[in-house]
Structures are given as structure tokens and as C-alpha cells.
N, C-alpha and C. Protein backbone atom coordinates (compact mmCIF):
# COMPACT_ATOMS: atom_id res chain seq x y z
N MET A 1 -8.61 6.21 -9.28
CA MET A 1 -7.48 5.33 -9.21
C MET A 1 -7.70 3.77 -8.85
N ARG A 2 -7.23 3.15 -9.42
CA ARG A 2 -7.77 1.58 -8.97
C ARG A 2 -6.84 1.01 -7.96
N LEU A 3 -7.07 0.89 -6.64
CA LEU A 3 -6.23 0.33 -5.52
C LEU A 3 -6.34 -0.82 -5.16
N VAL A 4 -4.93 -1.33 -4.79
CA VAL A 4 -5.43 -2.75 -3.80
C VAL A 4 -4.71 -2.20 -2.50
N ILE A 5 -5.39 -2.56 -1.44
CA ILE A 5 -4.98 -2.30 -0.06
C ILE A 5 -4.56 -3.35 0.88
N ALA A 6 -3.54 -3.21 1.40
CA ALA A 6 -2.74 -4.67 1.68
C ALA A 6 -2.37 -4.22 3.67
N ASP A 7 -3.24 -4.93 4.47
CA ASP A 7 -2.53 -4.74 6.11
C ASP A 7 -3.04 -6.01 6.61
N ASN A 8 -2.56 -6.03 7.80
CA ASN A 8 -2.99 -7.42 8.30
C ASN A 8 -3.95 -7.36 9.49
N ASP A 9 -4.29 -6.02 9.44
CA ASP A 9 -5.52 -5.46 10.18
C ASP A 9 -6.37 -5.24 9.65
N ALA A 10 -7.60 -6.04 9.68
CA ALA A 10 -8.93 -5.90 8.94
C ALA A 10 -9.79 -4.80 9.27
N ALA A 11 -9.68 -4.14 10.72
CA ALA A 11 -9.99 -2.62 10.41
C ALA A 11 -9.46 -1.52 10.21
N VAL A 12 -7.95 -1.85 9.80
CA VAL A 12 -7.08 -0.68 9.05
C VAL A 12 -7.57 -0.93 7.55
N ILE A 13 -7.76 -1.98 7.14
CA ILE A 13 -8.45 -2.02 5.58
C ILE A 13 -9.61 -1.92 5.54
N ASP A 14 -10.61 -1.70 6.70
CA ASP A 14 -12.09 -1.44 6.39
C ASP A 14 -12.10 0.55 6.31
N LEU A 15 -11.36 0.73 7.19
CA LEU A 15 -11.15 2.40 7.20
C LEU A 15 -10.44 2.85 6.04
N LEU A 16 -9.48 2.42 5.42
CA LEU A 16 -8.87 2.90 4.16
C LEU A 16 -9.53 2.73 3.17
N THR A 17 -10.38 1.37 3.03
CA THR A 17 -11.51 1.19 1.93
C THR A 17 -12.28 2.25 1.89
N LEU A 18 -13.05 2.42 2.85
CA LEU A 18 -14.21 3.39 3.25
C LEU A 18 -13.34 5.05 3.18
N ASP A 19 -12.12 5.53 3.32
CA ASP A 19 -11.90 6.71 3.11
C ASP A 19 -11.59 6.83 1.68
N MET A 20 -10.54 5.95 1.04
CA MET A 20 -10.45 6.09 -0.36
C MET A 20 -11.92 5.89 -1.48
N LYS A 21 -13.11 5.06 -1.38
CA LYS A 21 -13.60 5.41 -2.00
C LYS A 21 -14.59 6.54 -1.91
N LEU A 22 -14.69 7.51 -0.63
CA LEU A 22 -15.29 8.34 -0.74
C LEU A 22 -14.39 9.63 -0.99
N GLU A 23 -13.21 9.24 -1.38
CA GLU A 23 -12.19 10.07 -2.43
C GLU A 23 -12.41 9.88 -4.05
N GLY A 24 -13.21 8.79 -4.21
CA GLY A 24 -13.54 8.50 -5.95
C GLY A 24 -12.70 7.36 -6.25
N HIS A 25 -12.12 6.84 -5.52
CA HIS A 25 -11.11 5.49 -5.90
C HIS A 25 -11.44 4.50 -5.89
N GLU A 26 -11.33 3.35 -6.65
CA GLU A 26 -12.06 2.01 -6.89
C GLU A 26 -11.04 1.32 -6.20
N ILE A 27 -11.45 0.21 -5.00
CA ILE A 27 -10.77 -0.75 -4.51
C ILE A 27 -11.09 -1.97 -5.14
N VAL A 28 -9.98 -2.43 -6.07
CA VAL A 28 -9.97 -3.62 -6.83
C VAL A 28 -9.86 -5.14 -5.68
N ALA A 29 -9.10 -4.71 -4.73
CA ALA A 29 -8.63 -5.90 -4.15
C ALA A 29 -8.23 -5.43 -2.67
N THR A 30 -8.64 -6.58 -1.91
CA THR A 30 -7.38 -5.94 -0.26
C THR A 30 -7.11 -7.58 0.02
N ALA A 31 -5.77 -7.28 0.88
CA ALA A 31 -4.86 -8.75 1.13
C ALA A 31 -4.55 -8.40 2.61
N MET A 32 -4.43 -9.23 3.09
CA MET A 32 -4.13 -9.41 4.54
C MET A 32 -2.36 -10.17 4.86
N ASP A 33 -1.79 -10.34 3.93
CA ASP A 33 -0.62 -10.66 3.71
C ASP A 33 0.50 -10.24 2.30
N GLY A 34 1.50 -10.43 2.71
CA GLY A 34 2.72 -10.17 1.20
C GLY A 34 2.20 -11.03 0.04
N THR A 35 2.12 -12.37 0.44
CA THR A 35 1.48 -13.15 -0.91
C THR A 35 0.31 -12.72 -1.44
N ALA A 36 -0.83 -12.75 -0.67
CA ALA A 36 -2.22 -12.13 -1.16
C ALA A 36 -1.95 -10.61 -2.02
N ALA A 37 -1.13 -10.07 -1.28
CA ALA A 37 -0.93 -8.48 -2.06
C ALA A 37 -0.22 -8.61 -3.29
N ILE A 38 0.73 -9.31 -3.18
CA ILE A 38 1.36 -9.73 -4.86
C ILE A 38 0.26 -10.33 -5.70
N GLU A 39 -0.15 -11.26 -5.31
CA GLU A 39 -1.27 -12.09 -6.22
C GLU A 39 -2.48 -11.13 -6.76
N ALA A 40 -2.83 -9.85 -6.07
CA ALA A 40 -4.00 -9.12 -6.15
C ALA A 40 -3.52 -8.20 -7.31
N CYS A 41 -2.20 -7.87 -6.97
CA CYS A 41 -1.73 -7.05 -7.79
C CYS A 41 -1.35 -7.45 -9.43
N ALA A 42 -1.13 -8.81 -9.30
CA ALA A 42 -0.65 -9.43 -10.61
C ALA A 42 -2.13 -9.66 -11.22
N ALA A 43 -3.39 -10.01 -10.25
CA ALA A 43 -4.87 -10.34 -11.04
C ALA A 43 -5.53 -8.91 -11.66
N HIS A 44 -5.10 -7.82 -10.70
CA HIS A 44 -6.06 -6.79 -10.85
C HIS A 44 -5.55 -5.75 -11.46
N ALA A 45 -4.02 -5.51 -11.81
CA ALA A 45 -3.44 -4.48 -12.35
C ALA A 45 -3.58 -3.12 -11.76
N PRO A 46 -3.76 -2.86 -10.73
CA PRO A 46 -3.95 -1.37 -10.02
C PRO A 46 -3.28 -0.17 -10.51
N ASP A 47 -3.60 1.05 -9.96
CA ASP A 47 -2.95 2.15 -10.23
C ASP A 47 -1.64 2.21 -9.06
N VAL A 48 -2.16 1.79 -7.89
CA VAL A 48 -1.57 2.07 -6.66
C VAL A 48 -1.88 0.94 -5.63
N LEU A 49 -0.74 0.47 -5.06
CA LEU A 49 -0.96 -0.70 -3.81
C LEU A 49 -0.56 -0.02 -2.84
N ILE A 50 -1.45 0.26 -1.98
CA ILE A 50 -1.24 0.73 -0.51
C ILE A 50 -0.74 -0.27 0.75
N VAL A 51 0.07 -0.09 1.28
CA VAL A 51 0.65 -1.74 1.79
C VAL A 51 1.21 -1.36 3.48
N ASP A 52 0.91 -2.52 4.22
CA ASP A 52 1.50 -2.08 5.76
C ASP A 52 2.94 -2.42 5.28
N LEU A 53 4.10 -2.18 6.17
CA LEU A 53 5.33 -2.59 6.42
C LEU A 53 5.52 -3.83 6.68
N ARG A 54 4.36 -4.17 7.95
CA ARG A 54 4.37 -5.37 8.82
C ARG A 54 3.36 -6.32 8.50
N LEU A 55 3.29 -7.50 7.55
CA LEU A 55 2.18 -7.79 7.28
C LEU A 55 1.75 -9.28 7.73
N GLY A 56 2.55 -9.32 8.99
CA GLY A 56 2.57 -10.74 9.50
C GLY A 56 3.35 -11.93 9.17
N LYS A 57 2.67 -12.61 8.11
CA LYS A 57 3.55 -13.77 7.41
C LYS A 57 3.70 -13.27 6.06
N GLY A 58 4.63 -14.33 5.52
CA GLY A 58 5.36 -14.00 3.86
C GLY A 58 5.93 -12.42 4.03
N PRO A 59 5.85 -12.16 2.82
CA PRO A 59 6.88 -11.09 2.42
C PRO A 59 6.16 -9.81 2.92
N ASP A 60 7.35 -8.88 3.62
CA ASP A 60 6.89 -7.53 4.09
C ASP A 60 6.56 -6.32 3.12
N GLY A 61 6.21 -5.57 3.67
CA GLY A 61 5.61 -4.27 2.24
C GLY A 61 6.99 -3.82 1.63
N ILE A 62 8.17 -3.57 1.94
CA ILE A 62 9.28 -3.22 1.29
C ILE A 62 9.37 -4.38 0.29
N ASP A 63 9.46 -6.00 0.80
CA ASP A 63 9.74 -6.80 -0.26
C ASP A 63 8.59 -7.34 -1.37
N VAL A 64 7.12 -6.91 -1.18
CA VAL A 64 5.97 -6.65 -1.55
C VAL A 64 6.47 -5.57 -3.05
N ALA A 65 6.77 -4.35 -2.43
CA ALA A 65 7.11 -3.17 -3.44
C ALA A 65 8.05 -3.66 -4.50
N ARG A 66 8.79 -4.53 -4.01
CA ARG A 66 9.88 -4.89 -4.83
C ARG A 66 9.39 -6.05 -6.05
N ARG A 67 8.67 -6.85 -5.46
CA ARG A 67 8.09 -7.92 -6.08
C ARG A 67 7.12 -7.47 -7.31
N VAL A 68 6.39 -6.55 -6.75
CA VAL A 68 5.29 -5.96 -8.02
C VAL A 68 6.01 -4.97 -8.99
N GLY A 69 7.04 -4.40 -9.10
CA GLY A 69 7.53 -3.89 -9.82
C GLY A 69 7.19 -2.28 -9.83
N THR A 70 7.66 -1.53 -10.96
CA THR A 70 7.75 -0.12 -11.31
C THR A 70 6.22 -0.41 -11.89
N SER A 71 5.51 -0.95 -12.21
CA SER A 71 4.05 -0.77 -13.18
C SER A 71 2.68 0.01 -12.38
N LEU A 72 3.15 0.20 -11.28
CA LEU A 72 2.42 0.65 -9.83
C LEU A 72 2.96 1.52 -9.01
N ARG A 73 2.19 2.19 -8.55
CA ARG A 73 2.97 3.28 -7.50
C ARG A 73 2.43 2.41 -6.52
N VAL A 74 3.37 2.31 -5.45
CA VAL A 74 3.23 1.55 -4.23
C VAL A 74 3.87 2.65 -3.04
N ILE A 75 2.44 2.60 -1.98
CA ILE A 75 2.65 3.41 -0.90
C ILE A 75 2.72 2.63 0.32
N LEU A 76 3.86 2.74 1.22
CA LEU A 76 4.13 2.02 1.95
C LEU A 76 3.75 2.97 3.56
N HIS A 77 2.10 2.31 4.04
CA HIS A 77 1.60 2.91 4.92
C HIS A 77 1.91 2.01 6.40
N THR A 78 2.78 2.86 7.14
CA THR A 78 3.36 2.44 8.50
C THR A 78 3.33 2.88 9.61
N ASN A 79 3.68 2.74 10.66
CA ASN A 79 3.61 3.14 11.62
C ASN A 79 5.22 3.00 12.27
N TYR A 80 6.04 2.39 11.37
CA TYR A 80 7.50 2.25 11.56
C TYR A 80 8.09 3.11 10.87
N VAL A 81 8.02 4.57 11.02
CA VAL A 81 9.13 5.36 10.15
C VAL A 81 10.19 5.65 10.52
N SER A 82 11.42 5.36 9.90
CA SER A 82 12.69 5.24 10.48
C SER A 82 13.49 6.02 9.27
N ARG A 83 14.66 6.39 9.33
CA ARG A 83 15.50 6.66 8.16
C ARG A 83 15.87 5.72 7.35
N SER A 84 16.04 4.31 8.00
CA SER A 84 16.31 3.07 7.24
C SER A 84 15.16 2.65 6.54
N THR A 85 13.93 2.74 7.15
CA THR A 85 12.41 2.44 6.50
C THR A 85 12.53 3.40 5.28
N ILE A 86 12.57 4.37 5.42
CA ILE A 86 12.47 5.27 4.23
C ILE A 86 13.56 5.20 3.05
N THR A 87 14.91 4.61 3.38
CA THR A 87 15.85 4.55 2.49
C THR A 87 15.61 3.07 1.63
N ARG A 88 15.15 1.88 2.64
CA ARG A 88 14.94 0.53 2.17
C ARG A 88 13.41 0.86 0.86
N ALA A 89 12.35 1.74 1.49
CA ALA A 89 11.29 2.04 0.51
C ALA A 89 11.71 2.54 -0.70
N ALA A 90 12.59 3.65 -0.84
CA ALA A 90 12.74 4.40 -1.74
C ALA A 90 13.74 3.21 -2.75
N GLY A 91 14.52 2.49 -2.11
CA GLY A 91 14.91 1.48 -3.14
C GLY A 91 14.29 0.45 -3.76
N ALA A 92 13.23 0.20 -3.44
CA ALA A 92 11.77 -0.77 -3.55
C ALA A 92 11.18 0.01 -4.65
N GLY A 93 11.54 1.33 -4.48
CA GLY A 93 10.42 2.04 -5.62
C GLY A 93 9.27 2.90 -4.85
N ALA A 94 9.24 2.37 -3.26
CA ALA A 94 8.26 3.09 -2.71
C ALA A 94 8.16 4.40 -2.30
N VAL A 95 7.05 5.04 -1.58
CA VAL A 95 6.56 6.03 -0.81
C VAL A 95 6.20 5.84 0.56
N VAL A 96 7.07 6.24 1.29
CA VAL A 96 6.66 6.02 3.01
C VAL A 96 5.32 7.02 3.13
N VAL A 97 4.26 6.42 3.87
CA VAL A 97 3.35 7.65 4.27
C VAL A 97 3.06 6.93 5.88
N GLU A 98 3.04 8.06 6.83
CA GLU A 98 2.99 7.15 8.39
C GLU A 98 1.52 6.93 8.70
N LYS A 99 1.29 6.03 9.13
CA LYS A 99 -0.02 5.58 9.62
C LYS A 99 -0.65 6.77 10.73
N GLY A 100 -2.16 6.71 10.32
CA GLY A 100 -2.81 7.95 11.16
C GLY A 100 -2.93 9.00 10.39
N SER A 101 -2.29 9.41 9.54
CA SER A 101 -2.25 10.57 8.61
C SER A 101 -3.10 10.44 7.32
N LEU A 102 -4.60 9.92 7.21
CA LEU A 102 -5.10 10.17 6.21
C LEU A 102 -5.34 11.13 4.90
N ARG A 103 -4.87 12.40 5.72
CA ARG A 103 -4.87 13.32 4.39
C ARG A 103 -2.92 13.55 3.71
N ALA A 104 -2.02 12.69 4.32
CA ALA A 104 -1.04 12.50 3.78
C ALA A 104 -1.47 11.34 3.06
N LEU A 105 -1.80 10.48 3.14
CA LEU A 105 -2.24 9.41 2.51
C LEU A 105 -3.12 9.60 0.94
N ARG A 106 -3.93 10.62 1.29
CA ARG A 106 -4.67 10.54 0.11
C ARG A 106 -3.69 11.57 -0.84
N ARG A 107 -3.02 12.55 -0.18
CA ARG A 107 -1.86 13.37 -0.96
C ARG A 107 -1.11 12.59 -2.32
N ALA A 108 -0.82 11.18 -1.35
CA ALA A 108 0.11 10.47 -2.07
C ALA A 108 -0.69 9.46 -2.87
N VAL A 109 -1.74 9.19 -2.85
CA VAL A 109 -2.76 8.40 -3.66
C VAL A 109 -2.77 9.49 -4.94
N SER A 110 -2.99 10.60 -4.59
CA SER A 110 -3.47 11.43 -5.61
C SER A 110 -2.72 12.10 -6.73
N ALA A 111 -1.35 12.28 -6.01
CA ALA A 111 -0.34 12.43 -6.63
C ALA A 111 0.36 11.42 -8.11
N THR A 112 -0.42 10.50 -7.93
CA THR A 112 -0.39 9.11 -8.76
C THR A 112 -1.16 9.57 -10.07
N ALA A 113 -2.02 10.43 -10.07
CA ALA A 113 -2.91 10.60 -11.27
C ALA A 113 -1.88 12.13 -12.38
């Protein structure tokens, strides 16, 4: 799978990049804010976008999911899991995976294949 990873924490990007590469995925771009994530998806046409809910500046992860459309799978990777977040994410075509569970994230990415 070709992936874009977007998070406002460089350490999280590094961890996810390493883990997803070890799982055999190609990281085509990373981004630290919503605008950069949207631009990376447009430029690189990934299969999957892994995006944090709270990206600091610009659009949040759910807004990014809405803007990139349905041509790729969006996985919202967040510490802020609530019924509201899950509902908003589903409405934007995204799947929610809680941070701290690399196994769940791997399953969500693999489910795209």
C-alpha cells in the first residue's frame, strides 16, 4: 500500500513510518498539518491516509477526510475517541483507530488491500 501519514507530532510520524515500512508499505509523503496532508494526497495519490484528528493549524483530520474524498481510505488515528468523533469520522468516510494500538492500525491499513 502507498501511504500518506499526517500528524502534528514528528515523533509519531517517525514511529508510524517505521512501523508501516516494516509491514511492507510505502510511505509516499508525510505532513504535519491538514493543508499539507491534502496537498500530499493530491500530489501522490496514496491508497491510504493515516491522519491525526488534531493537527494544530488548518483543517482537522475529519475535514481532511472530507476534502480528499473517497478515492482513498482515510484512517483517523487519534487519542480522542468518542461517539461524536466516530460519528463525524464515519460521515466523512473515515475509520477511527485509537492511538497506542499499532496492531489495530495495521489491521485497518491491511483491510484496504
